[in-house]
Amino acid sequence: MTETYADLIAAEDVLLFVNSAVTSTGQREFRSDAYEQRLSLAFVHEYVRVNYRSVYAASLALDINDHNAARIVTQLLRTAGEADAEQKRVEGRLIAARLAVLPPQRVYRIFRELRAAGVNNRRTRAIVRDWLAARPDLAHDAVKYRPGLKAAARHAHLPLDRGELGDFLFAPGRRVRYEHRFLDAYRRAHYEQAALYELPFTVAEGFAARHGVERKVFLERIAPRMTRLERLRSGRAADADLAVMPLTRLALYVLSLGFEERVARRAELTGALRAAARRAAGPYAGTWGRVAAVLDDSYSASGSGVKRRRPLAVALGCHFLLEALAGSYVPLWTSGARDPLLVRPWGPTPLGVRIVDALEAAPERLVIVSDGWDNAPPGLAGEVLRVWRTQLDQERRTSVVHMNPVYDAAGFDVRRLAPSVPTAGIRDAEDLPALVEIAQFAEGRTGLGELRAYLDRRVELFVKGVAV
């Protein structure tokens, strides 16, 4: 055995961090409040950064959520003195690559946090400069993210104080008109209602309220300038193109509809979910053989006030994705539901019973999507899986993996069902194939060396993919 006990512990620590960075956003969950989530997450970040800095940075190449990616970028730049020259070089590539795919509002928030923390070294200024240089239209950013752009320009000592963009940001009363359409539309929108419909939706919304424009009229006229997500959030879902919506986002939208509307639009909604699942499956569609799934639609799948129905949406998205990946597929919802389009969060969590039903189908793969709170009766799922693995399937004819969409703040990880079953955190259903690959390292048969090799491959592919 080439791996030492310390290496195996290190591998477990790294996987624990990956699970937390995939699932937790520091917001309230069903069983823990926001303070507990933030406190737990802060400890895990600090622990892994101090003890495994290279792995901490490499996590930017994984399917972690934007909240944790932003936190990693900030922490790496704030603690640059702890890194050697080679680490800084790799970290710089990873940070630039991750910033390129983060939403711009999050990136500007990172820059403001760095300014507040007094982080202004040469590497940080270069990262800010390069990211801004790659933006497609800084005038658009000046209108939509004005405080963020101003803070970034000042903090990194960028020469944005010249020309009309500089006047717009730092001396708005200097010009009577601007050449750029966004800048001039913003100027005119202060006194001209028609001009607000030339602006991005979030900016125009404030001017509409100032001018007293009726909400319904405003939404109808601004609709062509709204993104798909803005249409959904503003209640104009009919204008959203479901055919190109990501799988988990689409599942959340479906669950937000009443039962009657889901039934009336069954063909449309089911077709859109299956199309999104096929896109997510990609070349792996139909390659997973016989698959059974245990999907948690118990009451705890309702999530929290800030993450409404998120766990159930992940389960619903995984259902359609597994259907696309499998050659043959047996889905089992904990409530006994037969119609995936009409699932709702209710009742207890009889995972053990459903796992027995799933194993009776003799699948090649069993995928469990649940928050891990097995309570009908408590502990049955873990015992079923223990007996199955140690007594009935020692040859591992059936691959079992547990996908958990909820971070357990008290345990600093996602809740597990059994030591013999690998568990991985999941936030978006479309990430399931990649997360199943990561879950293999949680079985305890592989150590830090293999995990580092896997991370190195992901880093190289991630940086090259963004560069292309």
Protein backbone atom coordinates (compact mmCIF):
# COMPACT_ATOMS: atom_id res chain seq x y z
CA MET A 1 0.00 0.00 0.00
CA THR A 2 1.66 3.21 -1.14
CA GLU A 3 -0.75 5.59 0.60
CA THR A 4 -0.09 6.36 4.28
CA TYR A 5 -2.81 6.83 6.85
CA ALA A 6 -2.08 10.58 6.81
CA ASP A 7 -2.64 10.61 3.04
CA LEU A 8 -6.04 8.95 3.41
CA ILE A 9 -7.04 11.48 6.09
CA ALA A 10 -5.89 14.31 3.80
CA ALA A 11 -7.99 12.90 0.96
CA GLU A 12 -11.02 12.82 3.26
CA ASP A 13 -10.38 16.44 4.29
CA VAL A 14 -10.20 17.54 0.66
CA LEU A 15 -13.40 15.69 -0.27
CA LEU A 16 -15.14 17.21 2.74
CA PHE A 17 -14.20 20.65 1.46
CA VAL A 18 -15.33 19.90 -2.09
CA ASN A 19 -18.72 18.75 -0.77
CA SER A 20 -19.14 21.92 1.27
CA ALA A 21 -18.03 24.15 -1.63
CA VAL A 22 -20.51 22.48 -3.97
CA THR A 23 -23.55 22.61 -1.68
CA SER A 24 -23.32 25.46 0.83
CA THR A 25 -23.97 29.08 -0.07
CA GLY A 26 -23.96 30.41 3.49
CA GLN A 27 -27.75 30.68 3.41
CA ARG A 28 -30.40 29.15 5.63
CA GLU A 29 -31.18 25.48 5.05
CA PHE A 30 -34.06 23.34 6.30
CA ARG A 31 -32.21 22.29 9.47
CA SER A 32 -29.70 25.12 10.04
CA ASP A 33 -29.85 28.91 9.93
CA ALA A 34 -27.66 31.24 7.90
CA TYR A 35 -25.32 32.03 10.81
CA GLU A 36 -24.55 28.34 11.38
CA GLN A 37 -23.97 27.83 7.65
CA ARG A 38 -21.60 30.81 7.37
CA LEU A 39 -19.67 29.91 10.52
CA SER A 40 -19.23 26.29 9.47
CA LEU A 41 -18.24 27.21 5.93
CA ALA A 42 -15.71 29.80 7.11
CA PHE A 43 -14.00 27.20 9.28
CA VAL A 44 -13.77 24.65 6.44
CA HIS A 45 -12.31 27.27 4.07
CA GLU A 46 -9.70 28.35 6.62
CA TYR A 47 -8.75 24.78 7.49
CA VAL A 48 -8.22 23.64 3.91
CA ARG A 49 -6.47 26.84 2.79
CA VAL A 50 -3.93 26.59 5.60
CA ASN A 51 -3.29 22.85 5.32
CA TYR A 52 -3.78 22.14 1.61
CA ARG A 53 -3.33 25.43 -0.21
CA SER A 54 -2.63 23.91 -3.64
CA VAL A 55 -5.74 21.75 -3.43
CA TYR A 56 -7.73 24.74 -2.15
CA ALA A 57 -6.79 26.68 -5.29
CA ALA A 58 -7.41 23.67 -7.55
CA SER A 59 -11.01 23.55 -6.31
CA LEU A 60 -11.67 26.53 -8.58
CA ALA A 61 -11.55 24.07 -11.49
CA LEU A 62 -14.31 21.90 -10.01
CA ASP A 63 -18.09 22.30 -10.13
CA ILE A 64 -18.25 24.33 -6.93
CA ASN A 65 -20.87 27.07 -6.61
CA ASP A 66 -20.19 30.74 -7.29
CA HIS A 67 -20.38 31.74 -3.63
CA ASN A 68 -17.48 29.49 -2.68
CA ALA A 69 -15.51 30.23 -5.84
CA ALA A 70 -15.64 33.93 -4.98
CA ARG A 71 -14.56 33.19 -1.41
CA ILE A 72 -11.60 31.10 -2.59
CA VAL A 73 -10.44 33.86 -4.97
CA THR A 74 -10.65 36.44 -2.19
CA GLN A 75 -8.82 34.26 0.33
CA LEU A 76 -6.03 33.35 -2.10
CA LEU A 77 -5.39 37.00 -2.93
CA ARG A 78 -5.60 38.10 0.71
CA THR A 79 -3.02 35.50 1.78
CA ALA A 80 -0.58 35.75 -1.14
CA GLY A 81 2.33 35.87 1.32
CA GLU A 82 1.69 32.23 2.25
CA ALA A 83 2.32 31.00 -1.34
CA ASP A 84 5.60 30.35 -3.11
CA ALA A 85 6.35 31.52 -6.66
CA GLU A 86 5.04 28.36 -8.37
CA GLN A 87 1.85 28.38 -6.31
CA LYS A 88 1.26 32.02 -7.21
CA ARG A 89 1.69 31.25 -10.90
CA VAL A 90 -0.86 28.41 -10.82
CA GLU A 91 -3.22 30.40 -8.61
CA GLY A 92 -3.09 33.35 -10.99
CA ARG A 93 -4.14 31.16 -13.94
CA LEU A 94 -6.95 29.57 -11.94
CA ILE A 95 -8.23 32.88 -10.58
CA ALA A 96 -8.28 34.46 -14.04
CA ALA A 97 -10.05 31.43 -15.50
CA ARG A 98 -12.68 31.35 -12.74
CA LEU A 99 -13.34 35.10 -12.87
CA ALA A 100 -13.98 34.74 -16.60
CA VAL A 101 -16.99 32.47 -15.92
CA LEU A 102 -18.34 34.13 -12.76
CA PRO A 103 -21.29 36.53 -13.08
CA PRO A 104 -19.90 40.09 -13.33
CA GLN A 105 -21.75 41.29 -10.24
CA ARG A 106 -19.92 38.69 -8.16
CA VAL A 107 -16.57 39.70 -9.62
CA TYR A 108 -17.18 43.37 -8.80
CA ARG A 109 -18.15 42.29 -5.28
CA ILE A 110 -14.82 40.45 -4.99
CA PHE A 111 -12.97 43.60 -6.06
CA ARG A 112 -14.83 45.67 -3.45
CA GLU A 113 -13.97 43.13 -0.73
CA LEU A 114 -10.30 43.23 -1.72
CA ARG A 115 -10.35 47.01 -1.56
CA ALA A 116 -11.96 46.97 1.87
CA ALA A 117 -9.30 44.51 3.04
CA GLY A 118 -6.48 46.66 1.66
CA VAL A 119 -5.28 43.98 -0.76
CA ASN A 120 -3.57 45.89 -3.55
CA ASN A 121 -0.44 44.01 -4.55
CA ARG A 122 0.85 43.84 -8.12
CA ARG A 123 -0.79 40.48 -8.84
CA THR A 124 -4.18 41.71 -7.66
CA ARG A 125 -3.95 44.85 -9.80
CA ALA A 126 -2.98 42.75 -12.83
CA ILE A 127 -5.94 40.42 -12.30
CA VAL A 128 -8.35 43.36 -12.04
CA ARG A 129 -6.84 45.03 -15.12
CA ASP A 130 -6.94 41.89 -17.25
CA TRP A 131 -10.52 41.05 -16.26
CA LEU A 132 -11.76 44.54 -17.08
CA ALA A 133 -9.85 44.53 -20.38
CA ALA A 134 -11.72 41.36 -21.37
CA ARG A 135 -15.16 42.84 -20.67
CA PRO A 136 -17.16 43.24 -23.90
CA ASP A 137 -18.44 46.76 -23.09
CA LEU A 138 -17.23 48.76 -20.10
CA ALA A 139 -19.85 51.42 -20.79
CA HIS A 140 -22.53 48.79 -20.18
CA ASP A 141 -20.78 47.90 -16.91
CA ALA A 142 -20.52 51.58 -15.99
CA VAL A 143 -24.31 51.83 -16.22
CA LYS A 144 -25.21 48.48 -14.64
CA TYR A 145 -22.39 48.04 -12.10
CA ARG A 146 -21.29 51.63 -11.59
CA PRO A 147 -20.15 51.43 -7.92
CA GLY A 148 -18.22 48.22 -8.61
CA LEU A 149 -16.44 49.57 -11.67
CA LYS A 150 -15.53 52.81 -9.90
CA ALA A 151 -14.13 50.93 -6.91
CA ALA A 152 -12.13 48.57 -9.15
CA ALA A 153 -10.70 51.42 -11.23
CA ARG A 154 -9.61 53.37 -8.17
CA HIS A 155 -8.24 50.39 -6.29
CA ALA A 156 -6.16 49.06 -9.21
CA HIS A 157 -5.08 52.54 -10.34
CA LEU A 158 -6.57 52.04 -13.80
CA PRO A 159 -6.62 54.96 -16.29
CA LEU A 160 -10.41 55.11 -16.60
CA ASP A 161 -10.60 58.76 -15.62
CA ARG A 162 -10.12 59.90 -19.22
CA GLY A 163 -12.70 60.29 -21.96
CA GLU A 164 -16.44 60.09 -21.63
CA LEU A 165 -16.35 56.85 -19.62
CA GLY A 166 -14.17 58.56 -17.04
CA ASP A 167 -16.47 61.58 -17.00
CA PHE A 168 -19.51 59.33 -16.53
CA LEU A 169 -17.91 57.55 -13.57
CA PHE A 170 -16.06 60.37 -11.83
CA ALA A 171 -17.44 63.67 -13.15
CA PRO A 172 -21.04 63.03 -14.30
CA GLY A 173 -21.91 66.74 -14.54
CA ARG A 174 -19.09 67.57 -16.93
CA ARG A 175 -20.83 66.57 -20.20
CA VAL A 176 -24.23 67.55 -21.56
CA ARG A 177 -24.38 64.41 -23.74
CA TYR A 178 -22.48 61.17 -24.37
CA GLU A 179 -21.61 59.40 -27.59
CA HIS A 180 -22.12 55.90 -26.20
CA ARG A 181 -25.79 54.92 -26.32
CA PHE A 182 -25.90 53.40 -22.81
CA LEU A 183 -24.22 56.37 -21.18
CA ASP A 184 -26.47 58.86 -22.92
CA ALA A 185 -29.59 56.79 -22.28
CA TYR A 186 -28.73 56.79 -18.58
CA ARG A 187 -28.35 60.59 -18.65
CA ARG A 188 -31.66 61.07 -20.48
CA ALA A 189 -33.54 58.56 -18.32
CA HIS A 190 -33.41 61.04 -15.42
CA TYR A 191 -36.01 63.20 -17.18
CA GLU A 192 -37.20 61.21 -20.23
CA GLN A 193 -39.35 58.08 -19.71
CA ALA A 194 -38.67 56.66 -23.16
CA ALA A 195 -34.92 56.52 -22.49
CA LEU A 196 -35.25 54.01 -19.67
CA TYR A 197 -36.30 51.32 -22.18
CA GLU A 198 -32.85 51.59 -23.76
CA LEU A 199 -31.17 50.54 -20.50
CA PRO A 200 -30.52 47.12 -18.92
CA PHE A 201 -33.55 45.83 -17.00
CA THR A 202 -32.15 46.22 -13.48
CA VAL A 203 -31.16 49.84 -14.14
CA ALA A 204 -34.38 50.69 -15.96
CA GLU A 205 -36.40 49.27 -13.05
CA GLY A 206 -35.18 52.01 -10.72
CA PHE A 207 -35.97 54.78 -13.21
CA ALA A 208 -39.44 53.30 -13.84
CA ALA A 209 -40.22 53.54 -10.13
CA ARG A 210 -38.90 57.11 -10.05
CA HIS A 211 -41.14 58.10 -12.99
CA GLY A 212 -44.15 56.28 -11.54
CA VAL A 213 -44.52 53.91 -14.50
CA GLU A 214 -47.09 51.19 -13.91
CA ARG A 215 -45.35 47.84 -13.33
CA LYS A 216 -47.35 45.96 -15.96
CA VAL A 217 -46.67 48.59 -18.63
CA PHE A 218 -42.99 48.70 -17.73
CA LEU A 219 -42.54 44.91 -17.95
CA GLU A 220 -44.26 44.74 -21.33
CA ARG A 221 -42.08 47.44 -22.85
CA ILE A 222 -38.79 46.34 -21.28
CA ALA A 223 -39.30 42.65 -22.13
CA PRO A 224 -36.96 42.66 -25.18
CA ARG A 225 -34.05 43.76 -22.95
CA MET A 226 -34.64 41.12 -20.24
CA THR A 227 -32.58 37.97 -19.80
CA ARG A 228 -34.25 34.56 -19.35
CA LEU A 229 -33.62 34.68 -15.61
CA GLU A 230 -35.02 38.21 -15.35
CA ARG A 231 -38.18 37.09 -17.16
CA LEU A 232 -38.65 34.24 -14.69
CA ARG A 233 -37.99 36.41 -11.64
CA SER A 234 -40.31 39.15 -12.82
CA GLY A 235 -43.20 36.76 -13.44
CA ARG A 236 -42.96 36.85 -17.25
CA ALA A 237 -42.16 33.15 -17.54
CA ALA A 238 -44.26 32.87 -20.69
CA ASP A 239 -41.61 34.97 -22.46
CA ALA A 240 -38.77 32.69 -21.30
CA ASP A 241 -37.36 30.18 -23.76
CA LEU A 242 -37.66 26.89 -21.86
CA ALA A 243 -35.85 25.03 -24.63
CA VAL A 244 -32.48 26.53 -23.70
CA MET A 245 -32.89 26.79 -19.92
CA PRO A 246 -30.42 24.84 -17.71
CA LEU A 247 -31.84 21.67 -16.17
CA THR A 248 -31.94 22.66 -12.48
CA ARG A 249 -33.24 26.15 -13.25
CA LEU A 250 -35.96 24.57 -15.36
CA ALA A 251 -36.84 22.13 -12.58
CA LEU A 252 -37.18 25.02 -10.13
CA TYR A 253 -39.51 26.78 -12.57
CA VAL A 254 -41.66 23.67 -13.01
CA LEU A 255 -41.98 23.21 -9.24
CA SER A 256 -43.03 26.85 -8.85
CA LEU A 257 -46.15 26.15 -10.95
CA GLY A 258 -49.44 24.90 -9.54
CA PHE A 259 -50.53 21.32 -10.20
CA GLU A 260 -53.24 22.38 -12.63
CA GLU A 261 -50.81 24.36 -14.77
CA ARG A 262 -48.28 21.52 -14.72
CA VAL A 263 -50.94 19.11 -15.97
CA ALA A 264 -52.18 21.54 -18.63
CA ARG A 265 -48.62 22.07 -19.91
CA ARG A 266 -47.44 18.49 -19.38
CA ALA A 267 -46.15 17.91 -22.92
CA GLU A 268 -44.32 21.25 -23.04
CA LEU A 269 -42.72 20.97 -19.61
CA THR A 270 -41.76 17.30 -19.92
CA GLY A 271 -40.29 17.91 -23.36
CA ALA A 272 -38.24 20.84 -22.08
CA LEU A 273 -36.94 18.85 -19.07
CA ARG A 274 -35.95 15.92 -21.28
CA ALA A 275 -34.24 18.19 -23.79
CA ALA A 276 -32.26 19.88 -20.99
CA ALA A 277 -31.33 16.45 -19.60
CA ARG A 278 -30.10 15.26 -23.00
CA ARG A 279 -27.92 18.36 -23.30
CA ALA A 280 -26.48 17.72 -19.84
CA ALA A 281 -25.89 14.02 -20.58
CA GLY A 282 -23.97 14.83 -23.77
CA PRO A 283 -21.93 11.91 -25.09
CA TYR A 284 -22.78 9.80 -22.02
CA ALA A 285 -26.47 9.50 -22.94
CA GLY A 286 -27.61 5.88 -22.82
CA THR A 287 -24.24 4.58 -21.61
CA TRP A 288 -24.91 3.90 -17.92
CA GLY A 289 -26.69 0.56 -18.36
CA ARG A 290 -29.35 -0.46 -15.83
CA VAL A 291 -29.91 2.42 -13.40
CA ALA A 292 -32.17 2.69 -10.37
CA ALA A 293 -32.67 5.92 -8.45
CA VAL A 294 -34.03 6.69 -4.99
CA LEU A 295 -35.22 10.30 -5.06
CA ASP A 296 -36.10 12.24 -1.90
CA ASP A 297 -39.36 14.21 -2.05
CA SER A 298 -39.94 14.25 1.71
CA TYR A 299 -40.94 17.43 3.54
CA SER A 300 -37.32 18.49 4.11
CA ALA A 301 -36.92 18.72 0.31
CA SER A 302 -38.90 21.97 0.57
CA GLY A 303 -35.61 23.68 1.50
CA SER A 304 -35.81 27.06 3.23
CA GLY A 305 -37.26 30.51 2.68
CA VAL A 306 -34.21 31.60 0.68
CA LYS A 307 -33.70 28.25 -1.11
CA ARG A 308 -37.27 27.23 -1.77
CA ARG A 309 -37.68 23.70 -3.11
CA ARG A 310 -34.00 23.58 -4.09
CA PRO A 311 -33.37 20.00 -2.86
CA LEU A 312 -36.53 18.79 -4.62
CA ALA A 313 -35.55 20.59 -7.84
CA VAL A 314 -32.15 18.86 -7.77
CA ALA A 315 -33.89 15.49 -7.33
CA LEU A 316 -36.28 16.24 -10.18
CA GLY A 317 -33.43 17.33 -12.45
CA CYS A 318 -31.45 14.19 -11.53
CA HIS A 319 -34.48 12.05 -12.37
CA PHE A 320 -34.60 13.32 -15.96
CA LEU A 321 -30.82 13.28 -16.31
CA LEU A 322 -30.57 9.67 -15.09
CA GLU A 323 -33.35 8.76 -17.50
CA ALA A 324 -31.19 10.17 -20.31
CA LEU A 325 -27.99 8.50 -19.08
CA ALA A 326 -29.48 5.05 -18.50
CA GLY A 327 -30.11 2.19 -20.86
CA SER A 328 -32.99 1.15 -18.60
CA TYR A 329 -34.19 3.18 -15.65
CA VAL A 330 -36.23 2.60 -12.47
CA PRO A 331 -37.08 5.76 -10.46
CA LEU A 332 -38.37 5.47 -6.89
CA TRP A 333 -39.57 8.56 -4.99
CA THR A 334 -39.62 8.34 -1.20
CA SER A 335 -43.29 9.37 -1.13
CA GLY A 336 -44.23 6.64 -3.59
CA ALA A 337 -45.10 9.21 -6.25
CA ARG A 338 -45.42 7.89 -9.80
CA ASP A 339 -45.65 11.14 -11.73
CA PRO A 340 -42.39 13.16 -11.55
CA LEU A 341 -44.05 16.27 -12.94
CA LEU A 342 -46.39 16.44 -9.93
CA VAL A 343 -43.95 15.78 -7.10
CA ARG A 344 -44.16 17.96 -4.02
CA PRO A 345 -42.23 17.98 -0.73
CA TRP A 346 -44.22 16.13 1.92
CA GLY A 347 -44.08 13.26 4.39
CA PRO A 348 -41.21 11.38 6.09
CA THR A 349 -38.07 9.96 4.48
CA PRO A 350 -38.28 6.14 4.18
CA LEU A 351 -34.98 5.81 2.35
CA GLY A 352 -34.27 2.29 3.62
CA VAL A 353 -37.50 0.86 2.22
CA ARG A 354 -36.98 2.53 -1.15
CA ILE A 355 -33.36 1.34 -1.33
CA VAL A 356 -34.54 -2.26 -0.81
CA ASP A 357 -37.06 -1.80 -3.63
CA ALA A 358 -34.36 -0.36 -5.88
CA LEU A 359 -31.87 -3.17 -5.21
CA GLU A 360 -34.50 -5.79 -6.03
CA ALA A 361 -34.33 -4.53 -9.62
CA ALA A 362 -30.65 -5.65 -9.75
CA PRO A 363 -29.34 -2.38 -11.23
CA GLU A 364 -25.77 -1.83 -12.36
CA ARG A 365 -25.93 1.62 -10.73
CA LEU A 366 -27.97 2.85 -7.80
CA VAL A 367 -28.07 6.64 -7.34
CA ILE A 368 -29.59 8.08 -4.16
CA VAL A 369 -30.49 11.78 -4.18
CA SER A 370 -31.33 12.88 -0.64
CA ASP A 371 -30.30 15.15 2.22
CA GLY A 372 -29.44 11.98 4.14
CA TRP A 373 -31.94 12.38 6.99
CA ASP A 374 -33.33 8.84 6.94
CA ASN A 375 -36.14 8.78 9.52
CA ALA A 376 -38.76 6.15 8.66
CA PRO A 377 -37.37 4.28 10.57
CA PRO A 378 -34.15 6.11 11.48
CA GLY A 379 -30.97 4.40 10.35
CA LEU A 380 -32.58 1.74 8.16
CA ALA A 381 -30.95 3.03 4.97
CA GLY A 382 -27.46 2.79 6.45
CA GLU A 383 -28.07 -0.73 7.72
CA VAL A 384 -29.52 -1.89 4.39
CA LEU A 385 -26.51 -0.51 2.54
CA ARG A 386 -24.07 -2.05 5.04
CA VAL A 387 -25.60 -5.51 4.74
CA TRP A 388 -25.83 -5.20 0.97
CA ARG A 389 -22.20 -4.25 0.57
CA THR A 390 -20.68 -6.59 3.18
CA GLN A 391 -22.91 -9.66 2.80
CA LEU A 392 -24.91 -9.68 -0.43
CA ASP A 393 -22.75 -7.83 -2.96
CA GLN A 394 -19.13 -8.24 -1.96
CA GLU A 395 -18.20 -8.41 -5.66
CA ARG A 396 -19.67 -4.90 -6.11
CA ARG A 397 -21.88 -5.84 -9.01
CA THR A 398 -23.97 -2.78 -8.18
CA SER A 399 -22.31 0.62 -7.94
CA VAL A 400 -24.00 2.75 -5.27
CA VAL A 401 -23.52 6.50 -4.89
CA HIS A 402 -25.29 9.06 -2.73
CA MET A 403 -25.78 12.62 -4.03
CA ASN A 404 -26.62 15.12 -1.29
CA PRO A 405 -27.84 18.65 -2.15
CA VAL A 406 -27.76 20.01 1.43
CA TYR A 407 -24.75 21.04 3.51
CA ASP A 408 -24.83 19.87 7.13
CA ALA A 409 -23.34 22.78 9.08
CA ALA A 410 -22.91 20.77 12.28
CA GLY A 411 -20.96 18.03 10.53
CA PHE A 412 -18.89 20.35 8.26
CA ASP A 413 -19.92 18.13 5.33
CA VAL A 414 -22.95 16.70 3.59
CA ARG A 415 -24.71 14.05 5.66
CA ARG A 416 -23.77 10.46 4.75
CA LEU A 417 -25.91 7.33 4.79
CA ALA A 418 -23.24 4.65 5.29
CA PRO A 419 -19.42 4.48 5.42
CA SER A 420 -19.44 1.93 2.60
CA VAL A 421 -21.30 4.22 0.20
CA PRO A 422 -19.55 7.23 -1.39
CA THR A 423 -21.34 10.54 -0.87
CA ALA A 424 -20.84 13.72 -2.89
CA GLY A 425 -22.44 17.12 -2.55
CA ILE A 426 -24.51 18.34 -5.49
CA ARG A 427 -26.04 21.74 -6.19
CA ASP A 428 -27.03 21.48 -9.85
CA ALA A 429 -28.40 18.26 -11.30
CA GLU A 430 -26.47 18.75 -14.54
CA ASP A 431 -23.20 18.27 -12.61
CA LEU A 432 -24.15 14.72 -11.59
CA PRO A 433 -21.87 12.82 -14.05
CA ALA A 434 -18.79 14.75 -12.94
CA LEU A 435 -19.69 14.44 -9.26
CA VAL A 436 -20.16 10.69 -9.53
CA GLU A 437 -16.57 10.60 -10.75
CA ILE A 438 -15.41 12.57 -7.70
CA ALA A 439 -17.45 10.33 -5.39
CA GLN A 440 -15.24 7.34 -6.19
CA PHE A 441 -12.52 8.95 -4.06
CA ALA A 442 -14.86 8.93 -1.06
CA GLU A 443 -14.94 5.12 -0.85
CA GLY A 444 -11.67 5.09 1.10
CA ARG A 445 -9.80 2.87 -1.36
CA THR A 446 -7.92 5.75 -2.98
CA GLY A 447 -5.78 8.36 -1.32
CA LEU A 448 -4.34 11.81 -1.77
CA GLY A 449 -2.01 10.91 -4.66
CA GLU A 450 -4.77 9.77 -6.99
CA LEU A 451 -6.98 12.63 -5.89
CA ARG A 452 -4.23 15.17 -6.62
CA ALA A 453 -3.68 13.63 -10.07
CA TYR A 454 -7.40 13.96 -10.77
CA LEU A 455 -7.38 17.60 -9.64
CA ASP A 456 -4.33 18.35 -11.80
CA ARG A 457 -6.17 17.02 -14.86
CA ARG A 458 -9.24 19.08 -14.03
CA VAL A 459 -7.12 22.22 -13.56
CA GLU A 460 -5.42 21.82 -16.91
CA LEU A 461 -8.69 21.16 -18.74
CA PHE A 462 -10.40 24.06 -16.96
CA VAL A 463 -7.73 26.63 -17.76
CA LYS A 464 -7.48 25.49 -21.38
CA GLY A 465 -11.23 25.42 -21.79
CA VAL A 466 -11.67 28.98 -20.58
CA ALA A 467 -8.76 30.19 -22.73
CA VAL A 468 -10.38 28.68 -25.85
